[in-house]
PDB file of N, CA and C in Angstrom:
ATOM      1  N   UNK A   1      79.751  56.244 172.292  1.00  0.00           N
ATOM      2  CA  UNK A   1      78.519  55.409 173.066  1.00  0.00           C
ATOM      3  C   UNK A   1      78.602  54.251 172.851  1.00  0.00           C
ATOM      4  N   UNK A   2      78.394  53.408 171.103  1.00  0.00           N
ATOM      5  CA  UNK A   2      78.447  52.181 170.816  1.00  0.00           C
ATOM      6  C   UNK A   2      79.454  51.722 171.356  1.00  0.00           C
ATOM      7  N   UNK A   3      81.153  52.332 171.660  1.00  0.00           N
ATOM      8  CA  UNK A   3      81.822  51.350 171.585  1.00  0.00           C
ATOM      9  C   UNK A   3      81.821  50.852 173.244  1.00  0.00           C
ATOM     10  N   UNK A   4      81.258  51.883 173.440  1.00  0.00           N
ATOM     11  CA  UNK A   4      81.336  51.922 175.248  1.00  0.00           C
ATOM     12  C   UNK A   4      79.912  50.156 175.710  1.00  0.00           C
ATOM     13  N   UNK A   5      78.846  50.365 174.720  1.00  0.00           N
ATOM     14  CA  UNK A   5      78.165  49.602 174.989  1.00  0.00           C
ATOM     15  C   UNK A   5      78.309  48.057 174.817  1.00  0.00           C
ATOM     16  N   UNK A   6      78.945  48.151 173.633  1.00  0.00           N
ATOM     17  CA  UNK A   6      79.835  46.788 173.059  1.00  0.00           C
ATOM     18  C   UNK A   6      81.195  46.734 174.254  1.00  0.00           C
ATOM     19  N   UNK A   7      81.828  47.132 174.485  1.00  0.00           N
ATOM     20  CA  UNK A   7      82.673  47.148 175.768  1.00  0.00           C
ATOM     21  C   UNK A   7      82.246  46.110 177.031  1.00  0.00           C
ATOM     22  N   UNK A   8      81.263  46.922 177.412  1.00  0.00           N
ATOM     23  CA  UNK A   8      80.535  46.282 178.469  1.00  0.00           C
ATOM     24  C   UNK A   8      79.812  44.839 178.383  1.00  0.00           C
ATOM     25  N   UNK A   9      79.552  44.703 177.223  1.00  0.00           N
ATOM     26  CA  UNK A   9      79.144  43.300 176.954  1.00  0.00           C
ATOM     27  C   UNK A   9      79.889  42.140 176.542  1.00  0.00           C
ATOM     28  N   UNK A  10      81.403  42.929 177.087  1.00  0.00           N
ATOM     29  CA  UNK A  10      82.752  41.816 177.135  1.00  0.00           C
ATOM     30  C   UNK A  10      83.113  41.646 175.851  1.00  0.00           C
ATOM     31  N   UNK A  11      82.585  42.442 175.051  1.00  0.00           N
ATOM     32  CA  UNK A  11      83.606  42.350 173.592  1.00  0.00           C
ATOM     33  C   UNK A  11      84.886  43.009 173.692  1.00  0.00           C
ATOM     34  N   UNK A  12      85.710  43.278 172.856  1.00  0.00           N
ATOM     35  CA  UNK A  12      87.034  44.292 172.715  1.00  0.00           C
ATOM     36  C   UNK A  12      86.431  45.245 171.824  1.00  0.00           C
ATOM     37  N   UNK A  13      86.106  46.331 171.375  1.00  0.00           N
ATOM     38  CA  UNK A  13      85.919  47.014 170.272  1.00  0.00           C
ATOM     39  C   UNK A  13      87.234  48.032 170.229  1.00  0.00           C
ATOM     40  N   UNK A  14      87.277  47.789 168.409  1.00  0.00           N
ATOM     41  CA  UNK A  14      88.464  48.537 168.279  1.00  0.00           C
ATOM     42  C   UNK A  14      87.630  49.497 167.130  1.00  0.00           C
ATOM     43  N   UNK A  15      87.810  50.679 166.777  1.00  0.00           N
ATOM     44  CA  UNK A  15      86.858  51.851 166.189  1.00  0.00           C
ATOM     45  C   UNK A  15      88.018  52.161 165.475  1.00  0.00           C
ATOM     46  N   UNK A  16      87.133  52.301 163.840  1.00  0.00           N
ATOM     47  CA  UNK A  16      88.361  53.247 162.986  1.00  0.00           C
ATOM     48  C   UNK A  16      87.831  54.353 162.322  1.00  0.00           C
ATOM     49  N   UNK A  17      88.398  55.255 162.143  1.00  0.00           N
ATOM     50  CA  UNK A  17      88.243  56.397 162.075  1.00  0.00           C
ATOM     51  C   UNK A  17      87.606  56.940 160.576  1.00  0.00           C
ATOM     52  N   UNK A  18      88.381  55.738 159.663  1.00  0.00           N
ATOM     53  CA  UNK A  18      87.485  55.866 158.407  1.00  0.00           C
ATOM     54  C   UNK A  18      88.009  54.347 157.421  1.00  0.00           C
ATOM     55  N   UNK A  19      87.426  54.354 156.159  1.00  0.00           N
ATOM     56  CA  UNK A  19      88.093  53.268 155.945  1.00  0.00           C
ATOM     57  C   UNK A  19      89.269  52.621 155.724  1.00  0.00           C
ATOM     58  N   UNK A  20      89.309  53.207 155.185  1.00  0.00           N
ATOM     59  CA  UNK A  20      91.182  52.645 154.962  1.00  0.00           C
ATOM     60  C   UNK A  20      92.185  52.396 156.747  1.00  0.00           C
ATOM     61  N   UNK A  21      92.122  53.442 157.233  1.00  0.00           N
ATOM     62  CA  UNK A  21      92.175  52.726 158.808  1.00  0.00           C
ATOM     63  C   UNK A  21      91.458  51.397 159.567  1.00  0.00           C
ATOM     64  N   UNK A  22      90.423  51.408 159.017  1.00  0.00           N
ATOM     65  CA  UNK A  22      89.428  50.190 159.328  1.00  0.00           C
ATOM     66  C   UNK A  22      90.263  49.096 158.343  1.00  0.00           C
ATOM     67  N   UNK A  23      90.668  49.042 157.284  1.00  0.00           N
ATOM     68  CA  UNK A  23      90.825  47.606 156.659  1.00  0.00           C
ATOM     69  C   UNK A  23      92.449  47.599 156.915  1.00  0.00           C
ATOM     70  N   UNK A  24      93.267  48.521 157.703  1.00  0.00           N
ATOM     71  CA  UNK A  24      94.368  48.498 157.840  1.00  0.00           C
ATOM     72  C   UNK A  24      94.461  47.433 159.041  1.00  0.00           C
ATOM     73  N   UNK A  25      93.700  47.818 160.201  1.00  0.00           N
ATOM     74  CA  UNK A  25      93.298  47.499 161.439  1.00  0.00           C
ATOM     75  C   UNK A  25      92.946  45.927 161.350  1.00  0.00           C
ATOM     76  N   UNK A  26      91.726  45.447 160.735  1.00  0.00           N
ATOM     77  CA  UNK A  26      91.252  44.404 160.323  1.00  0.00           C
ATOM     78  C   UNK A  26      92.271  43.780 159.844  1.00  0.00           C
ATOM     79  N   UNK A  27      93.026  43.950 158.917  1.00  0.00           N
ATOM     80  CA  UNK A  27      94.542  42.852 158.542  1.00  0.00           C
ATOM     81  C   UNK A  27      94.922  42.695 159.601  1.00  0.00           C
ATOM     82  N   UNK A  28      95.406  43.868 160.667  1.00  0.00           N
ATOM     83  CA  UNK A  28      96.736  43.113 161.032  1.00  0.00           C
ATOM     84  C   UNK A  28      96.132  42.667 162.335  1.00  0.00           C
ATOM     85  N   UNK A  29      95.105  42.440 162.819  1.00  0.00           N
ATOM     86  CA  UNK A  29      94.477  41.937 164.247  1.00  0.00           C
ATOM     87  C   UNK A  29      93.792  40.947 164.229  1.00  0.00           C
ATOM     88  N   UNK A  30      93.290  40.343 162.596  1.00  0.00           N
ATOM     89  CA  UNK A  30      92.697  39.413 162.849  1.00  0.00           C
ATOM     90  C   UNK A  30      91.199  39.330 163.527  1.00  0.00           C
ATOM     91  N   UNK A  31      90.160  40.626 163.215  1.00  0.00           N
ATOM     92  CA  UNK A  31      89.272  40.261 164.575  1.00  0.00           C
ATOM     93  C   UNK A  31      88.396  39.258 164.602  1.00  0.00           C
ATOM     94  N   UNK A  32      87.742  39.022 165.842  1.00  0.00           N
ATOM     95  CA  UNK A  32      86.624  37.783 165.653  1.00  0.00           C
ATOM     96  C   UNK A  32      85.504  38.402 164.746  1.00  0.00           C
ATOM     97  N   UNK A  33      84.891  39.379 165.055  1.00  0.00           N
ATOM     98  CA  UNK A  33      84.214  39.913 163.739  1.00  0.00           C
ATOM     99  C   UNK A  33      83.994  41.395 163.688  1.00  0.00           C
ATOM    100  N   UNK A  34      83.607  42.282 162.193  1.00  0.00           N
ATOM    101  CA  UNK A  34      83.343  43.240 161.862  1.00  0.00           C
ATOM    102  C   UNK A  34      82.433  44.103 161.956  1.00  0.00           C
ATOM    103  N   UNK A  35      82.165  45.082 162.963  1.00  0.00           N
ATOM    104  CA  UNK A  35      80.880  45.398 163.006  1.00  0.00           C
ATOM    105  C   UNK A  35      81.387  46.938 161.579  1.00  0.00           C
ATOM    106  N   UNK A  36      80.939  46.682 160.406  1.00  0.00           N
ATOM    107  CA  UNK A  36      80.548  47.661 159.213  1.00  0.00           C
ATOM    108  C   UNK A  36      79.351  48.907 158.854  1.00  0.00           C
ATOM    109  N   UNK A  37      80.155  49.810 159.197  1.00  0.00           N
ATOM    110  CA  UNK A  37      78.632  51.101 158.638  1.00  0.00           C
ATOM    111  C   UNK A  37      78.869  51.012 156.877  1.00  0.00           C
ATOM    112  N   UNK A  38      78.055  51.042 156.325  1.00  0.00           N
ATOM    113  CA  UNK A  38      78.578  51.087 154.714  1.00  0.00           C
ATOM    114  C   UNK A  38      78.665  52.325 154.439  1.00  0.00           C
ATOM    115  N   UNK A  39      78.801  53.666 154.981  1.00  0.00           N
ATOM    116  CA  UNK A  39      78.526  54.732 154.945  1.00  0.00           C
ATOM    117  C   UNK A  39      80.208  55.439 155.337  1.00  0.00           C
ATOM    118  N   UNK A  40      81.218  54.600 155.554  1.00  0.00           N
ATOM    119  CA  UNK A  40      82.523  55.021 155.467  1.00  0.00           C
ATOM    120  C   UNK A  40      83.128  55.955 154.878  1.00  0.00           C
ATOM    121  N   UNK A  41      83.869  57.023 155.828  1.00  0.00           N
ATOM    122  CA  UNK A  41      84.454  57.921 154.729  1.00  0.00           C
ATOM    123  C   UNK A  41      85.662  57.581 153.740  1.00  0.00           C
ATOM    124  N   UNK A  42      86.000  58.226 153.096  1.00  0.00           N
ATOM    125  CA  UNK A  42      87.040  57.721 152.009  1.00  0.00           C
ATOM    126  C   UNK A  42      87.198  56.211 151.549  1.00  0.00           C
ATOM    127  N   UNK A  43      86.771  55.419 152.124  1.00  0.00           N
ATOM    128  CA  UNK A  43      86.540  54.175 151.646  1.00  0.00           C
ATOM    129  C   UNK A  43      85.350  53.533 151.760  1.00  0.00           C
ATOM    130  N   UNK A  44      83.861  53.505 151.282  1.00  0.00           N
ATOM    131  CA  UNK A  44      82.500  52.676 151.903  1.00  0.00           C
ATOM    132  C   UNK A  44      82.765  51.424 152.051  1.00  0.00           C
ATOM    133  N   UNK A  45      81.570  50.926 152.747  1.00  0.00           N
ATOM    134  CA  UNK A  45      81.759  50.009 153.067  1.00  0.00           C
ATOM    135  C   UNK A  45      81.569  48.431 152.316  1.00  0.00           C
ATOM    136  N   UNK A  46      81.150  48.489 150.970  1.00  0.00           N
ATOM    137  CA  UNK A  46      81.099  47.380 150.283  1.00  0.00           C
ATOM    138  C   UNK A  46      82.302  47.742 149.355  1.00  0.00           C
ATOM    139  N   UNK A  47      83.121  48.795 149.526  1.00  0.00           N
ATOM    140  CA  UNK A  47      84.576  48.975 149.327  1.00  0.00           C
ATOM    141  C   UNK A  47      85.403  48.008 150.182  1.00  0.00           C
ATOM    142  N   UNK A  48      85.202  48.370 151.423  1.00  0.00           N
ATOM    143  CA  UNK A  48      86.065  48.090 152.641  1.00  0.00           C
ATOM    144  C   UNK A  48      86.128  45.910 152.386  1.00  0.00           C
ATOM    145  N   UNK A  49      84.640  45.499 152.550  1.00  0.00           N
ATOM    146  CA  UNK A  49      84.440  44.352 152.346  1.00  0.00           C
ATOM    147  C   UNK A  49      85.169  43.482 151.198  1.00  0.00           C
ATOM    148  N   UNK A  50      85.103  43.964 150.267  1.00  0.00           N
ATOM    149  CA  UNK A  50      85.970  43.410 148.660  1.00  0.00           C
ATOM    150  C   UNK A  50      87.269  43.521 149.161  1.00  0.00           C
ATOM    151  N   UNK A  51      87.586  44.476 149.776  1.00  0.00           N
ATOM    152  CA  UNK A  51      89.171  44.592 149.775  1.00  0.00           C
ATOM    153  C   UNK A  51      89.757  43.405 150.700  1.00  0.00           C
ATOM    154  N   UNK A  52      88.868  43.792 151.853  1.00  0.00           N
ATOM    155  CA  UNK A  52      88.924  42.644 153.094  1.00  0.00           C
ATOM    156  C   UNK A  52      88.907  41.324 152.586  1.00  0.00           C
ATOM    157  N   UNK A  53      87.895  40.918 151.857  1.00  0.00           N
ATOM    158  CA  UNK A  53      87.641  39.271 151.675  1.00  0.00           C
ATOM    159  C   UNK A  53      88.544  38.947 150.799  1.00  0.00           C
ATOM    160  N   UNK A  54      89.205  40.318 150.152  1.00  0.00           N
ATOM    161  CA  UNK A  54      90.402  39.800 148.909  1.00  0.00           C
ATOM    162  C   UNK A  54      91.509  39.006 149.461  1.00  0.00           C
ATOM    163  N   UNK A  55      91.911  39.169 150.407  1.00  0.00           N
ATOM    164  CA  UNK A  55      93.187  38.901 151.200  1.00  0.00           C
ATOM    165  C   UNK A  55      92.944  37.549 151.534  1.00  0.00           C
ATOM    166  N   UNK A  56      93.572  36.555 151.200  1.00  0.00           N
ATOM    167  CA  UNK A  56      94.127  34.991 151.886  1.00  0.00           C
ATOM    168  C   UNK A  56      93.881  34.938 153.095  1.00  0.00           C
ATOM    169  N   UNK A  57      93.077  34.134 153.874  1.00  0.00           N
ATOM    170  CA  UNK A  57      93.119  33.880 154.795  1.00  0.00           C
ATOM    171  C   UNK A  57      92.240  34.530 155.689  1.00  0.00           C
ATOM    172  N   UNK A  58      91.429  35.647 155.562  1.00  0.00           N
ATOM    173  CA  UNK A  58      90.589  36.541 156.376  1.00  0.00           C
ATOM    174  C   UNK A  58      89.298  35.860 156.306  1.00  0.00           C
ATOM    175  N   UNK A  59      88.688  35.595 157.622  1.00  0.00           N
ATOM    176  CA  UNK A  59      87.361  34.890 157.707  1.00  0.00           C
ATOM    177  C   UNK A  59      86.467  35.531 158.940  1.00  0.00           C
ATOM    178  N   UNK A  60      86.775  36.952 159.243  1.00  0.00           N
ATOM    179  CA  UNK A  60      85.921  37.421 160.149  1.00  0.00           C
ATOM    180  C   UNK A  60      84.795  37.712 159.624  1.00  0.00           C
ATOM    181  N   UNK A  61      83.839  37.267 160.604  1.00  0.00           N
ATOM    182  CA  UNK A  61      82.126  37.897 159.837  1.00  0.00           C
ATOM    183  C   UNK A  61      82.150  39.203 159.810  1.00  0.00           C
ATOM    184  N   UNK A  62      81.167  39.182 158.969  1.00  0.00           N
ATOM    185  CA  UNK A  62      80.514  41.134 159.046  1.00  0.00           C
ATOM    186  C   UNK A  62      79.309  41.563 159.242  1.00  0.00           C
ATOM    187  N   UNK A  63      79.299  42.247 160.121  1.00  0.00           N
ATOM    188  CA  UNK A  63      77.895  43.190 160.309  1.00  0.00           C
ATOM    189  C   UNK A  63      77.557  44.078 160.093  1.00  0.00           C
ATOM    190  N   UNK A  64      76.569  44.109 159.194  1.00  0.00           N
ATOM    191  CA  UNK A  64      76.477  45.784 158.743  1.00  0.00           C
ATOM    192  C   UNK A  64      75.450  45.998 159.403  1.00  0.00           C
ATOM    193  N   UNK A  65      76.050  47.600 159.603  1.00  0.00           N
ATOM    194  CA  UNK A  65      74.679  48.684 159.785  1.00  0.00           C
ATOM    195  C   UNK A  65      75.045  49.989 159.301  1.00  0.00           C
ATOM    196  N   UNK A  66      73.565  49.798 158.704  1.00  0.00           N
ATOM    197  CA  UNK A  66      73.607  51.154 157.613  1.00  0.00           C
ATOM    198  C   UNK A  66      71.905  51.626 157.459  1.00  0.00           C
ATOM    199  N   UNK A  67      71.780  52.925 157.203  1.00  0.00           N
ATOM    200  CA  UNK A  67      70.853  53.693 157.042  1.00  0.00           C
ATOM    201  C   UNK A  67      70.383  53.258 155.571  1.00  0.00           C
ATOM    202  N   UNK A  68      71.116  52.725 154.703  1.00  0.00           N
ATOM    203  CA  UNK A  68      70.629  52.748 153.300  1.00  0.00           C
ATOM    204  C   UNK A  68      69.452  51.594 152.906  1.00  0.00           C
ATOM    205  N   UNK A  69      68.813  52.272 152.236  1.00  0.00           N
ATOM    206  CA  UNK A  69      67.110  51.415 151.590  1.00  0.00           C
ATOM    207  C   UNK A  69      67.729  50.234 150.923  1.00  0.00           C
ATOM    208  N   UNK A  70      69.136  50.353 150.259  1.00  0.00           N
ATOM    209  CA  UNK A  70      69.600  48.941 149.687  1.00  0.00           C
ATOM    210  C   UNK A  70      70.806  48.588 150.396  1.00  0.00           C
ATOM    211  N   UNK A  71      70.760  48.436 152.012  1.00  0.00           N
ATOM    212  CA  UNK A  71      71.484  48.258 152.701  1.00  0.00           C
ATOM    213  C   UNK A  71      71.677  46.383 153.063  1.00  0.00           C
ATOM    214  N   UNK A  72      69.937  45.507 152.588  1.00  0.00           N
ATOM    215  CA  UNK A  72      70.089  44.157 152.768  1.00  0.00           C
ATOM    216  C   UNK A  72      71.259  43.697 151.716  1.00  0.00           C
ATOM    217  N   UNK A  73      70.631  44.343 150.500  1.00  0.00           N
ATOM    218  CA  UNK A  73      71.048  43.766 149.271  1.00  0.00           C
ATOM    219  C   UNK A  73      72.637  43.951 149.133  1.00  0.00           C
ATOM    220  N   UNK A  74      72.526  45.174 149.756  1.00  0.00           N
ATOM    221  CA  UNK A  74      74.416  44.843 149.768  1.00  0.00           C
ATOM    222  C   UNK A  74      75.045  44.657 150.477  1.00  0.00           C
ATOM    223  N   UNK A  75      74.737  44.271 151.791  1.00  0.00           N
ATOM    224  CA  UNK A  75      75.129  43.040 152.606  1.00  0.00           C
ATOM    225  C   UNK A  75      75.158  41.420 152.366  1.00  0.00           C
ATOM    226  N   UNK A  76      74.476  41.286 151.512  1.00  0.00           N
ATOM    227  CA  UNK A  76      74.047  39.746 150.555  1.00  0.00           C
ATOM    228  C   UNK A  76      75.072  40.020 149.827  1.00  0.00           C
ATOM    229  N   UNK A  77      75.467  41.137 148.829  1.00  0.00           N
ATOM    230  CA  UNK A  77      76.229  41.335 147.995  1.00  0.00           C
ATOM    231  C   UNK A  77      77.902  40.777 148.816  1.00  0.00           C
ATOM    232  N   UNK A  78      78.020  41.382 149.678  1.00  0.00           N
ATOM    233  CA  UNK A  78      79.330  41.517 150.216  1.00  0.00           C
ATOM    234  C   UNK A  78      79.206  40.158 151.479  1.00  0.00           C
ATOM    235  N   UNK A  79      78.814  39.281 151.479  1.00  0.00           N
ATOM    236  CA  UNK A  79      78.525  38.313 152.410  1.00  0.00           C
ATOM    237  C   UNK A  79      78.545  38.367 153.890  1.00  0.00           C
ATOM    238  N   UNK A  80      77.569  39.385 154.274  1.00  0.00           N
ATOM    239  CA  UNK A  80      77.205  39.680 155.554  1.00  0.00           C
ATOM    240  C   UNK A  80      76.608  38.696 156.115  1.00  0.00           C
ATOM    241  N   UNK A  81      76.739  38.432 157.632  1.00  0.00           N
ATOM    242  CA  UNK A  81      76.090  37.286 158.305  1.00  0.00           C
ATOM    243  C   UNK A  81      75.087  37.856 158.571  1.00  0.00           C
ATOM    244  N   UNK A  82      75.200  39.599 159.160  1.00  0.00           N
ATOM    245  CA  UNK A  82      73.949  39.997 159.397  1.00  0.00           C
ATOM    246  C   UNK A  82      73.492  41.475 158.675  1.00  0.00           C
ATOM    247  N   UNK A  83      72.780  42.326 158.746  1.00  0.00           N
ATOM    248  CA  UNK A  83      72.189  43.799 158.335  1.00  0.00           C
ATOM    249  C   UNK A  83      71.281  44.066 159.332  1.00  0.00           C
ATOM    250  N   UNK A  84      71.441  45.348 160.416  1.00  0.00           N
ATOM    251  CA  UNK A  84      70.979  46.312 160.728  1.00  0.00           C
ATOM    252  C   UNK A  84      70.423  47.545 160.484  1.00  0.00           C
ATOM    253  N   UNK A  85      69.303  47.736 160.552  1.00  0.00           N
ATOM    254  CA  UNK A  85      68.940  49.202 159.998  1.00  0.00           C
ATOM    255  C   UNK A  85      69.030  50.108 161.001  1.00  0.00           C
ATOM    256  N   UNK A  86      69.710  50.996 160.615  1.00  0.00           N
ATOM    257  CA  UNK A  86      70.152  52.597 161.597  1.00  0.00           C
ATOM    258  C   UNK A  86      68.288  52.964 161.220  1.00  0.00           C
ATOM    259  N   UNK A  87      68.256  53.616 162.370  1.00  0.00           N
ATOM    260  CA  UNK A  87      68.596  53.643 163.819  1.00  0.00           C
ATOM    261  C   UNK A  87      68.516  52.018 164.279  1.00  0.00           C
ATOM    262  N   UNK A  88      68.593  52.351 165.417  1.00  0.00           N
ATOM    263  CA  UNK A  88      69.005  50.574 165.846  1.00  0.00           C
ATOM    264  C   UNK A  88      68.954  50.536 167.128  1.00  0.00           C
ATOM    265  N   UNK A  89      68.676  49.440 167.796  1.00  0.00           N
ATOM    266  CA  UNK A  89      68.627  49.254 169.573  1.00  0.00           C
ATOM    267  C   UNK A  89      70.138  48.849 169.552  1.00  0.00           C
ATOM    268  N   UNK A  90      71.134  48.832 170.317  1.00  0.00           N
ATOM    269  CA  UNK A  90      72.099  48.989 170.756  1.00  0.00           C
ATOM    270  C   UNK A  90      72.055  47.339 170.957  1.00  0.00           C
ATOM    271  N   UNK A  91      70.846  46.831 171.679  1.00  0.00           N
ATOM    272  CA  UNK A  91      70.999  45.644 172.488  1.00  0.00           C
ATOM    273  C   UNK A  91      70.584  44.207 171.209  1.00  0.00           C
ATOM    274  N   UNK A  92      70.016  44.756 170.276  1.00  0.00           N
ATOM    275  CA  UNK A  92      70.067  44.150 168.738  1.00  0.00           C
ATOM    276  C   UNK A  92      71.417  43.975 168.473  1.00  0.00           C
ATOM    277  N   UNK A  93      72.394  45.009 168.174  1.00  0.00           N
ATOM    278  CA  UNK A  93      73.304  44.819 167.897  1.00  0.00           C
ATOM    279  C   UNK A  93      73.975  43.575 168.196  1.00  0.00           C
ATOM    280  N   UNK A  94      73.693  43.675 169.898  1.00  0.00           N
ATOM    281  CA  UNK A  94      75.542  42.946 170.835  1.00  0.00           C
ATOM    282  C   UNK A  94      74.346  41.332 170.169  1.00  0.00           C
ATOM    283  N   UNK A  95      73.004  41.321 170.350  1.00  0.00           N
ATOM    284  CA  UNK A  95      72.909  39.904 170.301  1.00  0.00           C
ATOM    285  C   UNK A  95      72.504  39.583 168.894  1.00  0.00           C
ATOM    286  N   UNK A  96      72.831  40.580 167.639  1.00  0.00           N
ATOM    287  CA  UNK A  96      72.946  39.905 166.354  1.00  0.00           C
ATOM    288  C   UNK A  96      74.918  40.018 165.981  1.00  0.00           C
ATOM    289  N   UNK A  97      75.258  40.712 167.319  1.00  0.00           N
ATOM    290  CA  UNK A  97      77.271  40.147 166.888  1.00  0.00           C
ATOM    291  C   UNK A  97      77.129  38.383 167.471  1.00  0.00           C
ATOM    292  N   UNK A  98      76.871  38.714 168.849  1.00  0.00           N
ATOM    293  CA  UNK A  98      77.021  37.313 169.362  1.00  0.00           C
ATOM    294  C   UNK A  98      76.491  35.793 168.650  1.00  0.00           C
ATOM    295  N   UNK A  99      75.463  36.142 167.669  1.00  0.00           N
ATOM    296  CA  UNK A  99      75.298  35.197 167.129  1.00  0.00           C
ATOM    297  C   UNK A  99      75.611  34.863 166.249  1.00  0.00           C
ATOM    298  N   UNK A 100      76.410  35.976 165.243  1.00  0.00           N
ATOM    299  CA  UNK A 100      77.172  35.953 164.469  1.00  0.00           C
ATOM    300  C   UNK A 100      78.465  35.266 164.684  1.00  0.00           C
ATOM    301  N   UNK A 101      79.121  35.385 166.268  1.00  0.00           N
ATOM    302  CA  UNK A 101      80.263  35.068 166.525  1.00  0.00           C
ATOM    303  C   UNK A 101      80.110  33.764 166.633  1.00  0.00           C
ATOM    304  N   UNK A 102      78.823  33.469 166.899  1.00  0.00           N
ATOM    305  CA  UNK A 102      78.710  31.625 167.734  1.00  0.00           C
ATOM    306  C   UNK A 102      77.693  31.409 166.776  1.00  0.00           C
ATOM    307  N   UNK A 103      77.700  31.340 165.464  1.00  0.00           N
ATOM    308  CA  UNK A 103      76.147  30.605 165.022  1.00  0.00           C
ATOM    309  C   UNK A 103      75.594  29.463 164.989  1.00  0.00           C
ATOM    310  N   UNK A 104      76.495  28.185 165.748  1.00  0.00           N
ATOM    311  CA  UNK A 104      75.745  27.049 166.243  1.00  0.00           C
ATOM    312  C   UNK A 104      75.090  27.247 168.000  1.00  0.00           C
ATOM    313  N   UNK A 105      74.839  28.399 168.202  1.00  0.00           N
ATOM    314  CA  UNK A 105      75.025  28.141 169.819  1.00  0.00           C
ATOM    315  C   UNK A 105      73.273  28.289 169.978  1.00  0.00           C
ATOM    316  N   UNK A 106      72.651  27.893 170.230  1.00  0.00           N
ATOM    317  CA  UNK A 106      71.360  28.186 170.661  1.00  0.00           C
ATOM    318  C   UNK A 106      71.127  29.058 171.275  1.00  0.00           C
ATOM    319  N   UNK A 107      71.792  29.608 171.942  1.00  0.00           N
ATOM    320  CA  UNK A 107      71.313  30.439 173.304  1.00  0.00           C
ATOM    321  C   UNK A 107      72.504  31.754 173.169  1.00  0.00           C
ATOM    322  N   UNK A 108      72.900  31.991 172.192  1.00  0.00           N
ATOM    323  CA  UNK A 108      73.751  32.970 171.301  1.00  0.00           C
ATOM    324  C   UNK A 108      73.152  34.442 171.530  1.00  0.00           C
TER     325      UNK A 108
END
């Protein structure tokens, strides 16, 4: 559902099945933004972000989505541009994604 909603807004979402898949994909395609769930299987979101940011030249902004009470703290720690707590409205995610991708736009 989330992939469809994001695609309907003109984005090109590329879902990943787990943390390792997400890391390989993000490094291979150089995304414009990353929507990151902190509860990924096999490599949690914090580990993903550290491994991703350790690669020279990767700069895609990260939007964290999480049900964790520590989401804000972890988001700041990994340099996320936005943190959205689950459950969330898809329109909020789309708005934050647009703002994250275009931080200087007044109408993002």
